[in-house]
Amino acid sequence: MVEMRLINVETRLINVEMRLIKVEMRLINVEMRLINVETRLINVEMRLIDVEMRLIKVKLWLINVEMRLIDVDTHQAFYIGR
């Protein structure tokens, strides 16, 4: 009689342990998904930084063109004024 109760309690404990293992596996799965999302976000952030750097290069190029145009205008005004 006592042996049967002990076996029953042991079986229940094993059942609870299996449920805990399932929950732990689900948590690991969620953690892996979060890591995946974080990695994707970092990738997007890197792409945005790349685009921002390209925009800065374009702005610098435009400033350079503008400076050259000003230089040309200055020379033309100088020669016209002579």
PDB file of N, CA and C in Angstrom:
ATOM      1  N   MET A   1       0.825  -1.189   0.000  1.00  0.00           N
ATOM      2  CA  MET A   1       0.000   0.000   0.000  1.00  0.00           C
ATOM      3  C   MET A   1       0.874   1.260   0.000  1.00  0.00           C
ATOM      4  N   VAL A   2       1.825   1.340   0.913  1.00  0.00           N
ATOM      5  CA  VAL A   2       2.723   2.480   0.995  1.00  0.00           C
ATOM      6  C   VAL A   2       3.586   2.542  -0.270  1.00  0.00           C
ATOM      7  N   GLU A   3       3.994   1.380  -0.756  1.00  0.00           N
ATOM      8  CA  GLU A   3       4.803   1.336  -1.985  1.00  0.00           C
ATOM      9  C   GLU A   3       4.043   1.920  -3.169  1.00  0.00           C
ATOM     10  N   MET A   4       2.778   1.624  -3.261  1.00  0.00           N
ATOM     11  CA  MET A   4       1.944   2.129  -4.363  1.00  0.00           C
ATOM     12  C   MET A   4       1.832   3.654  -4.279  1.00  0.00           C
ATOM     13  N   ARG A   5       1.685   4.167  -3.063  1.00  0.00           N
ATOM     14  CA  ARG A   5       1.598   5.618  -2.889  1.00  0.00           C
ATOM     15  C   ARG A   5       2.919   6.282  -3.269  1.00  0.00           C
ATOM     16  N   LEU A   6       4.023   5.663  -2.875  1.00  0.00           N
ATOM     17  CA  LEU A   6       5.343   6.197  -3.217  1.00  0.00           C
ATOM     18  C   LEU A   6       5.550   6.195  -4.738  1.00  0.00           C
ATOM     19  N   ILE A   7       5.130   5.143  -5.378  1.00  0.00           N
ATOM     20  CA  ILE A   7       5.240   5.054  -6.839  1.00  0.00           C
ATOM     21  C   ILE A   7       4.367   6.130  -7.488  1.00  0.00           C
ATOM     22  N   ASN A   8       3.180   6.334  -6.919  1.00  0.00           N
ATOM     23  CA  ASN A   8       2.278   7.355  -7.441  1.00  0.00           C
ATOM     24  C   ASN A   8       2.897   8.765  -7.295  1.00  0.00           C
ATOM     25  N   VAL A   9       3.454   9.040  -6.131  1.00  0.00           N
ATOM     26  CA  VAL A   9       4.096  10.332  -5.893  1.00  0.00           C
ATOM     27  C   VAL A   9       5.300  10.499  -6.824  1.00  0.00           C
ATOM     28  N   GLU A  10       6.072   9.475  -6.977  1.00  0.00           N
ATOM     29  CA  GLU A  10       7.242   9.515  -7.860  1.00  0.00           C
ATOM     30  C   GLU A  10       6.817   9.777  -9.310  1.00  0.00           C
ATOM     31  N   THR A  11       5.743   9.143  -9.722  1.00  0.00           N
ATOM     32  CA  THR A  11       5.225   9.345 -11.079  1.00  0.00           C
ATOM     33  C   THR A  11       4.775  10.786 -11.267  1.00  0.00           C
ATOM     34  N   ARG A  12       4.118  11.333 -10.264  1.00  0.00           N
ATOM     35  CA  ARG A  12       3.681  12.728 -10.340  1.00  0.00           C
ATOM     36  C   ARG A  12       4.874  13.677 -10.411  1.00  0.00           C
ATOM     37  N   LEU A  13       5.893  13.376  -9.627  1.00  0.00           N
ATOM     38  CA  LEU A  13       7.099  14.206  -9.647  1.00  0.00           C
ATOM     39  C   LEU A  13       7.775  14.163 -11.023  1.00  0.00           C
ATOM     40  N   ILE A  14       7.818  12.999 -11.594  1.00  0.00           N
ATOM     41  CA  ILE A  14       8.389  12.852 -12.937  1.00  0.00           C
ATOM     42  C   ILE A  14       7.554  13.655 -13.938  1.00  0.00           C
ATOM     43  N   ASN A  15       6.247  13.606 -13.785  1.00  0.00           N
ATOM     44  CA  ASN A  15       5.348  14.357 -14.661  1.00  0.00           C
ATOM     45  C   ASN A  15       5.598  15.866 -14.539  1.00  0.00           C
ATOM     46  N   VAL A  16       5.732  16.340 -13.305  1.00  0.00           N
ATOM     47  CA  VAL A  16       6.000  17.762 -13.069  1.00  0.00           C
ATOM     48  C   VAL A  16       7.360  18.133 -13.669  1.00  0.00           C
ATOM     49  N   GLU A  17       8.334  17.276 -13.486  1.00  0.00           N
ATOM     50  CA  GLU A  17       9.657  17.524 -14.040  1.00  0.00           C
ATOM     51  C   GLU A  17       9.608  17.610 -15.565  1.00  0.00           C
ATOM     52  N   MET A  18       8.850  16.755 -16.188  1.00  0.00           N
ATOM     53  CA  MET A  18       8.699  16.793 -17.649  1.00  0.00           C
ATOM     54  C   MET A  18       8.029  18.100 -18.090  1.00  0.00           C
ATOM     55  N   ARG A  19       7.036  18.533 -17.339  1.00  0.00           N
ATOM     56  CA  ARG A  19       6.380  19.806 -17.662  1.00  0.00           C
ATOM     57  C   ARG A  19       7.356  20.973 -17.532  1.00  0.00           C
ATOM     58  N   LEU A  20       8.172  20.933 -16.496  1.00  0.00           N
ATOM     59  CA  LEU A  20       9.174  21.981 -16.309  1.00  0.00           C
ATOM     60  C   LEU A  20      10.183  21.983 -17.458  1.00  0.00           C
ATOM     61  N   ILE A  21      10.556  20.812 -17.901  1.00  0.00           N
ATOM     62  CA  ILE A  21      11.476  20.705 -19.038  1.00  0.00           C
ATOM     63  C   ILE A  21      10.825  21.299 -20.291  1.00  0.00           C
ATOM     64  N   LYS A  22       9.532  21.033 -20.492  1.00  0.00           N
ATOM     65  CA  LYS A  22       8.818  21.611 -21.638  1.00  0.00           C
ATOM     66  C   LYS A  22       8.803  23.133 -21.567  1.00  0.00           C
ATOM     67  N   VAL A  23       8.531  23.661 -20.372  1.00  0.00           N
ATOM     68  CA  VAL A  23       8.506  25.119 -20.196  1.00  0.00           C
ATOM     69  C   VAL A  23       9.901  25.690 -20.470  1.00  0.00           C
ATOM     70  N   GLU A  24      10.915  25.023 -19.966  1.00  0.00           N
ATOM     71  CA  GLU A  24      12.288  25.468 -20.183  1.00  0.00           C
ATOM     72  C   GLU A  24      12.632  25.464 -21.678  1.00  0.00           C
ATOM     73  N   MET A  25      12.199  24.463 -22.388  1.00  0.00           N
ATOM     74  CA  MET A  25      12.443  24.389 -23.831  1.00  0.00           C
ATOM     75  C   MET A  25      11.723  25.538 -24.554  1.00  0.00           C
ATOM     76  N   ARG A  26      10.509  25.835 -24.130  1.00  0.00           N
ATOM     77  CA  ARG A  26       9.770  26.956 -24.725  1.00  0.00           C
ATOM     78  C   ARG A  26      10.482  28.274 -24.464  1.00  0.00           C
ATOM     79  N   LEU A  27      10.991  28.439 -23.254  1.00  0.00           N
ATOM     80  CA  LEU A  27      11.727  29.659 -22.919  1.00  0.00           C
ATOM     81  C   LEU A  27      12.994  29.779 -23.764  1.00  0.00           C
ATOM     82  N   ILE A  28      13.677  28.681 -23.957  1.00  0.00           N
ATOM     83  CA  ILE A  28      14.869  28.685 -24.806  1.00  0.00           C
ATOM     84  C   ILE A  28      14.479  29.065 -26.233  1.00  0.00           C
ATOM     85  N   ASN A  29      13.360  28.537 -26.711  1.00  0.00           N
ATOM     86  CA  ASN A  29      12.878  28.863 -28.048  1.00  0.00           C
ATOM     87  C   ASN A  29      12.587  30.365 -28.178  1.00  0.00           C
ATOM     88  N   VAL A  30      11.922  30.919 -27.173  1.00  0.00           N
ATOM     89  CA  VAL A  30      11.619  32.353 -27.177  1.00  0.00           C
ATOM     90  C   VAL A  30      12.911  33.163 -27.159  1.00  0.00           C
ATOM     91  N   GLU A  31      13.861  32.735 -26.349  1.00  0.00           N
ATOM     92  CA  GLU A  31      15.144  33.433 -26.273  1.00  0.00           C
ATOM     93  C   GLU A  31      15.862  33.405 -27.627  1.00  0.00           C
ATOM     94  N   MET A  32      15.825  32.286 -28.299  1.00  0.00           N
ATOM     95  CA  MET A  32      16.449  32.183 -29.619  1.00  0.00           C
ATOM     96  C   MET A  32      15.755  33.110 -30.620  1.00  0.00           C
ATOM     97  N   ARG A  33      14.446  33.184 -30.535  1.00  0.00           N
ATOM     98  CA  ARG A  33      13.712  34.092 -31.431  1.00  0.00           C
ATOM     99  C   ARG A  33      14.074  35.541 -31.155  1.00  0.00           C
ATOM    100  N   LEU A  34      14.202  35.879 -29.879  1.00  0.00           N
ATOM    101  CA  LEU A  34      14.583  37.250 -29.519  1.00  0.00           C
ATOM    102  C   LEU A  34      15.983  37.581 -30.026  1.00  0.00           C
ATOM    103  N   ILE A  35      16.887  36.626 -29.929  1.00  0.00           N
ATOM    104  CA  ILE A  35      18.237  36.821 -30.441  1.00  0.00           C
ATOM    105  C   ILE A  35      18.189  37.040 -31.953  1.00  0.00           C
ATOM    106  N   ASN A  36      17.329  36.277 -32.623  1.00  0.00           N
ATOM    107  CA  ASN A  36      17.171  36.420 -34.067  1.00  0.00           C
ATOM    108  C   ASN A  36      16.657  37.816 -34.421  1.00  0.00           C
ATOM    109  N   VAL A  37      15.652  38.274 -33.690  1.00  0.00           N
ATOM    110  CA  VAL A  37      15.101  39.611 -33.930  1.00  0.00           C
ATOM    111  C   VAL A  37      16.161  40.677 -33.659  1.00  0.00           C
ATOM    112  N   GLU A  38      16.901  40.512 -32.582  1.00  0.00           N
ATOM    113  CA  GLU A  38      17.957  41.472 -32.244  1.00  0.00           C
ATOM    114  C   GLU A  38      19.013  41.528 -33.353  1.00  0.00           C
ATOM    115  N   THR A  39      19.365  40.367 -33.882  1.00  0.00           N
ATOM    116  CA  THR A  39      20.340  40.308 -34.969  1.00  0.00           C
ATOM    117  C   THR A  39      19.808  41.031 -36.204  1.00  0.00           C
ATOM    118  N   ARG A  40      18.546  40.832 -36.507  1.00  0.00           N
ATOM    119  CA  ARG A  40      17.945  41.521 -37.658  1.00  0.00           C
ATOM    120  C   ARG A  40      17.933  43.028 -37.447  1.00  0.00           C
ATOM    121  N   LEU A  41      17.614  43.452 -36.233  1.00  0.00           N
ATOM    122  CA  LEU A  41      17.601  44.889 -35.932  1.00  0.00           C
ATOM    123  C   LEU A  41      18.995  45.493 -36.077  1.00  0.00           C
ATOM    124  N   ILE A  42      20.000  44.769 -35.625  1.00  0.00           N
ATOM    125  CA  ILE A  42      21.380  45.241 -35.766  1.00  0.00           C
ATOM    126  C   ILE A  42      21.725  45.356 -37.253  1.00  0.00           C
ATOM    127  N   ASN A  43      21.274  44.380 -38.042  1.00  0.00           N
ATOM    128  CA  ASN A  43      21.513  44.410 -39.484  1.00  0.00           C
ATOM    129  C   ASN A  43      20.869  45.641 -40.115  1.00  0.00           C
ATOM    130  N   VAL A  44      19.629  45.917 -39.732  1.00  0.00           N
ATOM    131  CA  VAL A  44      18.931  47.091 -40.258  1.00  0.00           C
ATOM    132  C   VAL A  44      19.661  48.371 -39.832  1.00  0.00           C
ATOM    133  N   GLU A  45      20.098  48.413 -38.592  1.00  0.00           N
ATOM    134  CA  GLU A  45      20.821  49.584 -38.096  1.00  0.00           C
ATOM    135  C   GLU A  45      22.114  49.804 -38.886  1.00  0.00           C
ATOM    136  N   MET A  46      22.817  48.714 -39.189  1.00  0.00           N
ATOM    137  CA  MET A  46      24.044  48.831 -39.978  1.00  0.00           C
ATOM    138  C   MET A  46      23.745  49.350 -41.384  1.00  0.00           C
ATOM    139  N   ARG A  47      22.659  48.885 -41.964  1.00  0.00           N
ATOM    140  CA  ARG A  47      22.275  49.376 -43.296  1.00  0.00           C
ATOM    141  C   ARG A  47      21.932  50.863 -43.254  1.00  0.00           C
ATOM    142  N   LEU A  48      21.231  51.276 -42.201  1.00  0.00           N
ATOM    143  CA  LEU A  48      20.892  52.696 -42.054  1.00  0.00           C
ATOM    144  C   LEU A  48      22.153  53.544 -41.900  1.00  0.00           C
ATOM    145  N   ILE A  49      23.105  53.050 -41.147  1.00  0.00           N
ATOM    146  CA  ILE A  49      24.373  53.773 -40.987  1.00  0.00           C
ATOM    147  C   ILE A  49      25.075  53.879 -42.345  1.00  0.00           C
ATOM    148  N   ASP A  50      25.036  52.795 -43.125  1.00  0.00           N
ATOM    149  CA  ASP A  50      25.638  52.811 -44.455  1.00  0.00           C
ATOM    150  C   ASP A  50      24.970  53.855 -45.341  1.00  0.00           C
ATOM    151  N   VAL A  51      23.649  53.908 -45.308  1.00  0.00           N
ATOM    152  CA  VAL A  51      22.913  54.894 -46.103  1.00  0.00           C
ATOM    153  C   VAL A  51      23.260  56.311 -45.633  1.00  0.00           C
ATOM    154  N   GLU A  52      23.341  56.480 -44.327  1.00  0.00           N
ATOM    155  CA  GLU A  52      23.686  57.791 -43.777  1.00  0.00           C
ATOM    156  C   GLU A  52      25.081  58.221 -44.239  1.00  0.00           C
ATOM    157  N   MET A  53      26.024  57.298 -44.243  1.00  0.00           N
ATOM    158  CA  MET A  53      27.370  57.604 -44.705  1.00  0.00           C
ATOM    159  C   MET A  53      27.364  57.985 -46.189  1.00  0.00           C
ATOM    160  N   ARG A  54      26.578  57.277 -46.977  1.00  0.00           N
ATOM    161  CA  ARG A  54      26.477  57.611 -48.411  1.00  0.00           C
ATOM    162  C   ARG A  54      25.877  59.001 -48.608  1.00  0.00           C
ATOM    163  N   LEU A  55      24.872  59.332 -47.798  1.00  0.00           N
ATOM    164  CA  LEU A  55      24.275  60.665 -47.881  1.00  0.00           C
ATOM    165  C   LEU A  55      25.292  61.748 -47.521  1.00  0.00           C
ATOM    166  N   ILE A  56      26.107  61.482 -46.535  1.00  0.00           N
ATOM    167  CA  ILE A  56      27.149  62.437 -46.153  1.00  0.00           C
ATOM    168  C   ILE A  56      28.130  62.621 -47.311  1.00  0.00           C
ATOM    169  N   LYS A  57      28.498  61.520 -47.971  1.00  0.00           N
ATOM    170  CA  LYS A  57      29.398  61.620 -49.117  1.00  0.00           C
ATOM    171  C   LYS A  57      28.774  62.455 -50.230  1.00  0.00           C
ATOM    172  N   VAL A  58      27.488  62.253 -50.484  1.00  0.00           N
ATOM    173  CA  VAL A  58      26.801  63.032 -51.518  1.00  0.00           C
ATOM    174  C   VAL A  58      26.774  64.508 -51.130  1.00  0.00           C
ATOM    175  N   LYS A  59      26.489  64.792 -49.851  1.00  0.00           N
ATOM    176  CA  LYS A  59      26.473  66.187 -49.402  1.00  0.00           C
ATOM    177  C   LYS A  59      27.844  66.830 -49.586  1.00  0.00           C
ATOM    178  N   LEU A  60      28.896  66.097 -49.243  1.00  0.00           N
ATOM    179  CA  LEU A  60      30.246  66.634 -49.413  1.00  0.00           C
ATOM    180  C   LEU A  60      30.558  66.865 -50.890  1.00  0.00           C
ATOM    181  N   TRP A  61      30.130  65.963 -51.735  1.00  0.00           N
ATOM    182  CA  TRP A  61      30.346  66.109 -53.171  1.00  0.00           C
ATOM    183  C   TRP A  61      29.606  67.352 -53.677  1.00  0.00           C
ATOM    184  N   LEU A  62      28.370  67.545 -53.214  1.00  0.00           N
ATOM    185  CA  LEU A  62      27.598  68.722 -53.624  1.00  0.00           C
ATOM    186  C   LEU A  62      28.250  70.017 -53.145  1.00  0.00           C
ATOM    187  N   ILE A  63      28.787  69.996 -51.939  1.00  0.00           N
ATOM    188  CA  ILE A  63      29.496  71.174 -51.418  1.00  0.00           C
ATOM    189  C   ILE A  63      30.715  71.458 -52.293  1.00  0.00           C
ATOM    190  N   ASN A  64      31.414  70.409 -52.676  1.00  0.00           N
ATOM    191  CA  ASN A  64      32.583  70.555 -53.541  1.00  0.00           C
ATOM    192  C   ASN A  64      32.181  71.172 -54.887  1.00  0.00           C
ATOM    193  N   VAL A  65      31.091  70.684 -55.469  1.00  0.00           N
ATOM    194  CA  VAL A  65      30.599  71.230 -56.744  1.00  0.00           C
ATOM    195  C   VAL A  65      30.217  72.694 -56.566  1.00  0.00           C
ATOM    196  N   GLU A  66      29.530  72.989 -55.476  1.00  0.00           N
ATOM    197  CA  GLU A  66      29.124  74.372 -55.213  1.00  0.00           C
ATOM    198  C   GLU A  66      30.344  75.283 -55.079  1.00  0.00           C
ATOM    199  N   MET A  67      31.368  74.820 -54.403  1.00  0.00           N
ATOM    200  CA  MET A  67      32.596  75.613 -54.248  1.00  0.00           C
ATOM    201  C   MET A  67      33.244  75.852 -55.607  1.00  0.00           C
ATOM    202  N   ARG A  68      33.257  74.866 -56.453  1.00  0.00           N
ATOM    203  CA  ARG A  68      33.833  75.030 -57.786  1.00  0.00           C
ATOM    204  C   ARG A  68      33.027  76.036 -58.602  1.00  0.00           C
ATOM    205  N   LEU A  69      31.696  75.976 -58.487  1.00  0.00           N
ATOM    206  CA  LEU A  69      30.855  76.927 -59.206  1.00  0.00           C
ATOM    207  C   LEU A  69      31.105  78.354 -58.717  1.00  0.00           C
ATOM    208  N   ILE A  70      31.252  78.502 -57.414  1.00  0.00           N
ATOM    209  CA  ILE A  70      31.560  79.824 -56.850  1.00  0.00           C
ATOM    210  C   ILE A  70      32.913  80.304 -57.375  1.00  0.00           C
ATOM    211  N   ASP A  71      33.867  79.389 -57.442  1.00  0.00           N
ATOM    212  CA  ASP A  71      35.193  79.723 -57.945  1.00  0.00           C
ATOM    213  C   ASP A  71      35.109  80.180 -59.397  1.00  0.00           C
ATOM    214  N   VAL A  72      34.332  79.473 -60.208  1.00  0.00           N
ATOM    215  CA  VAL A  72      34.160  79.851 -61.615  1.00  0.00           C
ATOM    216  C   VAL A  72      33.495  81.214 -61.709  1.00  0.00           C
ATOM    217  N   ASP A  73      32.449  81.436 -60.929  1.00  0.00           N
ATOM    218  CA  ASP A  73      31.759  82.730 -60.938  1.00  0.00           C
ATOM    219  C   ASP A  73      32.708  83.859 -60.536  1.00  0.00           C
ATOM    220  N   THR A  74      33.532  83.607 -59.548  1.00  0.00           N
ATOM    221  CA  THR A  74      34.482  84.616 -59.074  1.00  0.00           C
ATOM    222  C   THR A  74      35.470  84.968 -60.180  1.00  0.00           C
ATOM    223  N   HIS A  75      35.989  83.947 -60.860  1.00  0.00           N
ATOM    224  CA  HIS A  75      36.938  84.202 -61.943  1.00  0.00           C
ATOM    225  C   HIS A  75      36.273  84.958 -63.089  1.00  0.00           C
ATOM    226  N   GLN A  76      35.043  84.586 -63.415  1.00  0.00           N
ATOM    227  CA  GLN A  76      34.337  85.284 -64.494  1.00  0.00           C
ATOM    228  C   GLN A  76      34.101  86.743 -64.123  1.00  0.00           C
ATOM    229  N   ALA A  77      33.715  86.973 -62.882  1.00  0.00           N
ATOM    230  CA  ALA A  77      33.475  88.351 -62.440  1.00  0.00           C
ATOM    231  C   ALA A  77      34.771  89.149 -62.467  1.00  0.00           C
ATOM    232  N   PHE A  78      35.861  88.501 -62.120  1.00  0.00           N
ATOM    233  CA  PHE A  78      37.163  89.172 -62.128  1.00  0.00           C
ATOM    234  C   PHE A  78      37.553  89.579 -63.543  1.00  0.00           C
ATOM    235  N   TYR A  79      37.348  88.619 -64.488  1.00  0.00           N
ATOM    236  CA  TYR A  79      37.719  88.923 -65.869  1.00  0.00           C
ATOM    237  C   TYR A  79      36.768  89.926 -66.506  1.00  0.00           C
ATOM    238  N   ILE A  80      35.516  89.880 -66.129  1.00  0.00           N
ATOM    239  CA  ILE A  80      34.557  90.846 -66.690  1.00  0.00           C
ATOM    240  C   ILE A  80      34.855  92.238 -66.134  1.00  0.00           C
ATOM    241  N   GLY A  81      35.272  92.314 -64.889  1.00  0.00           N
ATOM    242  CA  GLY A  81      35.554  93.602 -64.242  1.00  0.00           C
ATOM    243  C   GLY A  81      36.796  94.266 -64.771  1.00  0.00           C
ATOM    244  N   ARG A  82      37.683  93.555 -65.394  1.00  0.00           N
ATOM    245  CA  ARG A  82      38.924  94.133 -65.912  1.00  0.00           C
ATOM    246  C   ARG A  82      38.597  94.952 -67.064  1.00  0.00           C
TER     247      ARG A  82
END
